[in-house]
Amino acid sequence: MRGGERGKRGAKSEEKATPTRSPEMVVLSREDAESYEPRGREICISISDPDAEPARVSSQFAAVLRLNFNDITQMGEPTDILFARDHATAITEFIDAWPNIERLVVHCNMGVSRSPGVALGLCDLRGWATAEIERSHPGWNRLVRTVMNELKPTKGAPRTG
């Protein structure tokens, strides 16, 4: 695309990919997620430890993204799987594929670190409110939110992945 053409077309495509309003964000533990039943147009990001069985979430979700990574902020063991850019990209692509959802359920094992880190990272990227999640989940994983925020386009740069 030539330099002068970028303006309006780029803005239009971003409007289509980004919901007009933020979905209700629900952060749960694995136990609560496994007993949760969607009541509308809802999607789920299901986060598990790398060696754990997948959570048994409701088949009533419009879609489920399953991710596996450890609840750590730096490598400790050679087998550790840190939250990485690939995870963040998968999350944003998943959200982009469901622009008009009513509710986004994000869960991890305890619902206190990884899932609120993902929720806050998404809020940061989309310009959605963060105060309630920060207040109710003060132990959010800093690495997860930081990596999510690395997907923010820098001013003047085209948005990627």
C-alpha atoms as a PDB file:
ATOM      1  CA  MET A   1       0.000   0.000   0.000  1.00  0.00           C
ATOM      2  CA  ARG A   2       1.342   3.405  -0.914  1.00  0.00           C
ATOM      3  CA  GLY A   3       2.066   5.900   1.855  1.00  0.00           C
ATOM      4  CA  GLY A   4      -0.888   8.247   1.225  1.00  0.00           C
ATOM      5  CA  GLU A   5      -3.462   5.444   1.019  1.00  0.00           C
ATOM      6  CA  ARG A   6      -2.934   3.963   4.466  1.00  0.00           C
ATOM      7  CA  GLY A   7      -5.086   6.343   6.563  1.00  0.00           C
ATOM      8  CA  LYS A   8      -8.760   5.555   6.039  1.00  0.00           C
ATOM      9  CA  ARG A   9      -8.433   1.977   4.821  1.00  0.00           C
ATOM     10  CA  GLY A  10      -6.282   0.961   7.792  1.00  0.00           C
ATOM     11  CA  ALA A  11      -8.717   2.547  10.237  1.00  0.00           C
ATOM     12  CA  LYS A  12     -11.692   0.814   8.630  1.00  0.00           C
ATOM     13  CA  SER A  13     -10.163  -2.660   8.822  1.00  0.00           C
ATOM     14  CA  GLU A  14      -9.234  -2.113  12.471  1.00  0.00           C
ATOM     15  CA  GLU A  15     -12.810  -1.054  13.246  1.00  0.00           C
ATOM     16  CA  LYS A  16     -14.103  -4.327  11.819  1.00  0.00           C
ATOM     17  CA  ALA A  17     -11.641  -6.425  13.811  1.00  0.00           C
ATOM     18  CA  THR A  18     -12.191  -4.602  17.104  1.00  0.00           C
ATOM     19  CA  PRO A  19     -15.542  -4.843  18.887  1.00  0.00           C
ATOM     20  CA  THR A  20     -17.478  -1.615  19.319  1.00  0.00           C
ATOM     21  CA  ARG A  21     -17.785  -2.321  23.043  1.00  0.00           C
ATOM     22  CA  SER A  22     -15.762  -4.423  25.397  1.00  0.00           C
ATOM     23  CA  PRO A  23     -17.158  -7.820  26.332  1.00  0.00           C
ATOM     24  CA  GLU A  24     -17.802  -8.638  29.958  1.00  0.00           C
ATOM     25  CA  MET A  25     -14.582 -10.184  31.245  1.00  0.00           C
ATOM     26  CA  VAL A  26     -14.899 -13.111  33.677  1.00  0.00           C
ATOM     27  CA  VAL A  27     -11.753 -14.487  35.364  1.00  0.00           C
ATOM     28  CA  LEU A  28     -12.181 -17.899  36.971  1.00  0.00           C
ATOM     29  CA  SER A  29     -10.313 -20.764  38.558  1.00  0.00           C
ATOM     30  CA  ARG A  30     -10.259 -24.100  36.737  1.00  0.00           C
ATOM     31  CA  GLU A  31     -12.778 -25.541  39.199  1.00  0.00           C
ATOM     32  CA  ASP A  32     -15.193 -22.658  38.665  1.00  0.00           C
ATOM     33  CA  ALA A  33     -14.678 -22.740  34.879  1.00  0.00           C
ATOM     34  CA  GLU A  34     -15.516 -26.442  34.769  1.00  0.00           C
ATOM     35  CA  SER A  35     -18.880 -25.790  36.442  1.00  0.00           C
ATOM     36  CA  TYR A  36     -19.605 -22.575  34.491  1.00  0.00           C
ATOM     37  CA  GLU A  37     -22.363 -22.616  31.859  1.00  0.00           C
ATOM     38  CA  PRO A  38     -22.428 -19.856  29.233  1.00  0.00           C
ATOM     39  CA  ARG A  39     -25.683 -17.914  29.075  1.00  0.00           C
ATOM     40  CA  GLY A  40     -25.107 -16.048  25.837  1.00  0.00           C
ATOM     41  CA  ARG A  41     -22.545 -15.549  23.104  1.00  0.00           C
ATOM     42  CA  GLU A  42     -19.425 -16.413  25.082  1.00  0.00           C
ATOM     43  CA  ILE A  43     -15.916 -17.644  24.377  1.00  0.00           C
ATOM     44  CA  CYS A  44     -13.304 -19.101  26.706  1.00  0.00           C
ATOM     45  CA  ILE A  45      -9.539 -18.935  27.040  1.00  0.00           C
ATOM     46  CA  SER A  46      -8.584 -22.062  28.978  1.00  0.00           C
ATOM     47  CA  ILE A  47      -5.093 -21.961  30.504  1.00  0.00           C
ATOM     48  CA  SER A  48      -3.532 -25.110  31.966  1.00  0.00           C
ATOM     49  CA  ASP A  49      -0.167 -26.231  33.244  1.00  0.00           C
ATOM     50  CA  PRO A  50       1.840 -27.928  30.477  1.00  0.00           C
ATOM     51  CA  ASP A  51       1.522 -31.398  32.025  1.00  0.00           C
ATOM     52  CA  ALA A  52      -2.141 -31.081  33.099  1.00  0.00           C
ATOM     53  CA  GLU A  53      -5.197 -32.578  31.456  1.00  0.00           C
ATOM     54  CA  PRO A  54      -7.282 -29.984  29.601  1.00  0.00           C
ATOM     55  CA  ALA A  55     -10.047 -28.418  31.672  1.00  0.00           C
ATOM     56  CA  ARG A  56     -13.515 -29.805  30.999  1.00  0.00           C
ATOM     57  CA  VAL A  57     -15.277 -26.580  30.058  1.00  0.00           C
ATOM     58  CA  SER A  58     -18.812 -26.395  28.698  1.00  0.00           C
ATOM     59  CA  SER A  59     -19.476 -27.305  25.079  1.00  0.00           C
ATOM     60  CA  GLN A  60     -21.884 -24.339  25.055  1.00  0.00           C
ATOM     61  CA  PHE A  61     -19.025 -21.859  24.551  1.00  0.00           C
ATOM     62  CA  ALA A  62     -18.989 -20.502  21.001  1.00  0.00           C
ATOM     63  CA  ALA A  63     -15.236 -21.278  20.966  1.00  0.00           C
ATOM     64  CA  VAL A  64     -12.449 -22.292  23.345  1.00  0.00           C
ATOM     65  CA  LEU A  65      -8.757 -21.419  23.014  1.00  0.00           C
ATOM     66  CA  ARG A  66      -6.569 -23.807  25.004  1.00  0.00           C
ATOM     67  CA  LEU A  67      -3.119 -22.681  26.101  1.00  0.00           C
ATOM     68  CA  ASN A  68      -0.469 -24.422  28.177  1.00  0.00           C
ATOM     69  CA  PHE A  69       2.250 -22.551  30.028  1.00  0.00           C
ATOM     70  CA  ASN A  70       3.660 -22.407  33.546  1.00  0.00           C
ATOM     71  CA  ASP A  71       2.684 -19.802  36.111  1.00  0.00           C
ATOM     72  CA  ILE A  72       6.162 -18.317  36.340  1.00  0.00           C
ATOM     73  CA  THR A  73       7.828 -15.078  35.362  1.00  0.00           C
ATOM     74  CA  GLN A  74      11.290 -16.455  34.558  1.00  0.00           C
ATOM     75  CA  MET A  75      12.842 -19.791  33.637  1.00  0.00           C
ATOM     76  CA  GLY A  76      13.594 -22.046  36.575  1.00  0.00           C
ATOM     77  CA  GLU A  77      13.630 -25.612  35.268  1.00  0.00           C
ATOM     78  CA  PRO A  78      14.632 -26.718  31.752  1.00  0.00           C
ATOM     79  CA  THR A  79      11.087 -28.042  31.270  1.00  0.00           C
ATOM     80  CA  ASP A  80       9.390 -24.716  32.139  1.00  0.00           C
ATOM     81  CA  ILE A  81       7.227 -23.128  29.472  1.00  0.00           C
ATOM     82  CA  LEU A  82       7.137 -19.344  29.797  1.00  0.00           C
ATOM     83  CA  PHE A  83       4.289 -17.253  28.411  1.00  0.00           C
ATOM     84  CA  ALA A  84       5.627 -16.035  25.055  1.00  0.00           C
ATOM     85  CA  ARG A  85       4.748 -13.878  22.069  1.00  0.00           C
ATOM     86  CA  ASP A  86       3.233 -16.928  20.308  1.00  0.00           C
ATOM     87  CA  HIS A  87       0.745 -17.303  23.178  1.00  0.00           C
ATOM     88  CA  ALA A  88      -0.102 -13.582  23.062  1.00  0.00           C
ATOM     89  CA  THR A  89      -0.558 -13.689  19.287  1.00  0.00           C
ATOM     90  CA  ALA A  90      -2.851 -16.735  19.531  1.00  0.00           C
ATOM     91  CA  ILE A  91      -4.959 -14.870  22.107  1.00  0.00           C
ATOM     92  CA  THR A  92      -5.325 -11.720  20.031  1.00  0.00           C
ATOM     93  CA  GLU A  93      -6.135 -13.705  16.873  1.00  0.00           C
ATOM     94  CA  PHE A  94      -8.743 -15.680  18.822  1.00  0.00           C
ATOM     95  CA  ILE A  95     -10.360 -12.466  20.125  1.00  0.00           C
ATOM     96  CA  ASP A  96     -10.250 -10.904  16.647  1.00  0.00           C
ATOM     97  CA  ALA A  97     -12.150 -13.914  15.270  1.00  0.00           C
ATOM     98  CA  TRP A  98     -15.016 -13.259  17.734  1.00  0.00           C
ATOM     99  CA  PRO A  99     -15.616  -9.480  17.592  1.00  0.00           C
ATOM    100  CA  ASN A 100     -19.209  -9.427  18.887  1.00  0.00           C
ATOM    101  CA  ILE A 101     -19.086 -11.660  21.929  1.00  0.00           C
ATOM    102  CA  GLU A 102     -20.991 -10.754  25.061  1.00  0.00           C
ATOM    103  CA  ARG A 103     -18.623 -12.368  27.541  1.00  0.00           C
ATOM    104  CA  LEU A 104     -15.046 -13.613  27.614  1.00  0.00           C
ATOM    105  CA  VAL A 105     -14.244 -16.229  30.236  1.00  0.00           C
ATOM    106  CA  VAL A 106     -10.537 -16.616  31.031  1.00  0.00           C
ATOM    107  CA  HIS A 107      -9.433 -19.289  33.467  1.00  0.00           C
ATOM    108  CA  CYS A 108      -6.283 -20.846  34.800  1.00  0.00           C
ATOM    109  CA  ASN A 109      -5.695 -23.280  37.636  1.00  0.00           C
ATOM    110  CA  MET A 110      -6.417 -20.944  40.570  1.00  0.00           C
ATOM    111  CA  GLY A 111      -7.705 -17.889  38.699  1.00  0.00           C
ATOM    112  CA  VAL A 112      -5.290 -15.509  40.421  1.00  0.00           C
ATOM    113  CA  SER A 113      -2.227 -15.095  38.200  1.00  0.00           C
ATOM    114  CA  ARG A 114      -2.177 -16.249  34.571  1.00  0.00           C
ATOM    115  CA  SER A 115      -5.830 -15.645  33.673  1.00  0.00           C
ATOM    116  CA  PRO A 116      -5.987 -12.112  35.128  1.00  0.00           C
ATOM    117  CA  GLY A 117      -2.628 -11.408  33.437  1.00  0.00           C
ATOM    118  CA  VAL A 118      -4.179 -12.383  30.096  1.00  0.00           C
ATOM    119  CA  ALA A 119      -7.352 -10.419  30.841  1.00  0.00           C
ATOM    120  CA  LEU A 120      -5.378  -7.290  31.760  1.00  0.00           C
ATOM    121  CA  GLY A 121      -3.121  -7.634  28.726  1.00  0.00           C
ATOM    122  CA  LEU A 122      -6.191  -7.821  26.482  1.00  0.00           C
ATOM    123  CA  CYS A 123      -7.696  -4.795  28.206  1.00  0.00           C
ATOM    124  CA  ASP A 124      -4.459  -2.864  27.680  1.00  0.00           C
ATOM    125  CA  LEU A 125      -4.347  -3.781  23.979  1.00  0.00           C
ATOM    126  CA  ARG A 126      -8.008  -2.973  23.324  1.00  0.00           C
ATOM    127  CA  GLY A 127      -8.354   0.094  25.524  1.00  0.00           C
ATOM    128  CA  TRP A 128     -10.812  -1.651  27.837  1.00  0.00           C
ATOM    129  CA  ALA A 129     -11.077  -0.768  31.539  1.00  0.00           C
ATOM    130  CA  THR A 130      -8.588  -2.511  33.857  1.00  0.00           C
ATOM    131  CA  ALA A 131      -9.390  -1.135  37.325  1.00  0.00           C
ATOM    132  CA  GLU A 132     -11.875  -3.834  38.383  1.00  0.00           C
ATOM    133  CA  ILE A 133      -9.599  -6.725  37.347  1.00  0.00           C
ATOM    134  CA  GLU A 134      -6.554  -5.102  38.944  1.00  0.00           C
ATOM    135  CA  ARG A 135      -8.490  -4.601  42.180  1.00  0.00           C
ATOM    136  CA  SER A 136     -10.076  -8.056  42.312  1.00  0.00           C
ATOM    137  CA  HIS A 137      -6.961  -9.949  41.124  1.00  0.00           C
ATOM    138  CA  PRO A 138      -3.888  -8.171  42.548  1.00  0.00           C
ATOM    139  CA  GLY A 139      -1.652 -11.223  42.023  1.00  0.00           C
ATOM    140  CA  TRP A 140      -1.800 -11.087  38.204  1.00  0.00           C
ATOM    141  CA  ASN A 141       1.213 -12.470  36.359  1.00  0.00           C
ATOM    142  CA  ARG A 142       3.454  -9.540  35.339  1.00  0.00           C
ATOM    143  CA  LEU A 143       5.220 -11.464  32.562  1.00  0.00           C
ATOM    144  CA  VAL A 144       1.923 -12.360  30.879  1.00  0.00           C
ATOM    145  CA  ARG A 145       0.693  -8.765  30.854  1.00  0.00           C
ATOM    146  CA  THR A 146       4.082  -7.457  29.710  1.00  0.00           C
ATOM    147  CA  VAL A 147       4.295  -9.878  26.779  1.00  0.00           C
ATOM    148  CA  MET A 148       0.697  -9.090  25.792  1.00  0.00           C
ATOM    149  CA  ASN A 149       1.572  -5.383  25.802  1.00  0.00           C
ATOM    150  CA  GLU A 150       4.526  -6.007  23.490  1.00  0.00           C
ATOM    151  CA  LEU A 151       1.930  -6.602  20.747  1.00  0.00           C
ATOM    152  CA  LYS A 152       0.855  -2.944  20.925  1.00  0.00           C
ATOM    153  CA  PRO A 153       1.795  -1.204  17.709  1.00  0.00           C
ATOM    154  CA  THR A 154       4.271   1.591  18.153  1.00  0.00           C
ATOM    155  CA  LYS A 155       3.073   4.980  16.996  1.00  0.00           C
ATOM    156  CA  GLY A 156       3.256   5.142  13.209  1.00  0.00           C
ATOM    157  CA  ALA A 157       4.053   1.440  12.773  1.00  0.00           C
ATOM    158  CA  PRO A 158       1.565  -0.934  11.132  1.00  0.00           C
ATOM    159  CA  ARG A 159      -0.234  -3.311  13.503  1.00  0.00           C
ATOM    160  CA  THR A 160       1.037  -6.885  13.294  1.00  0.00           C
ATOM    161  CA  GLY A 161      -0.053 -10.178  14.815  1.00  0.00           C
END
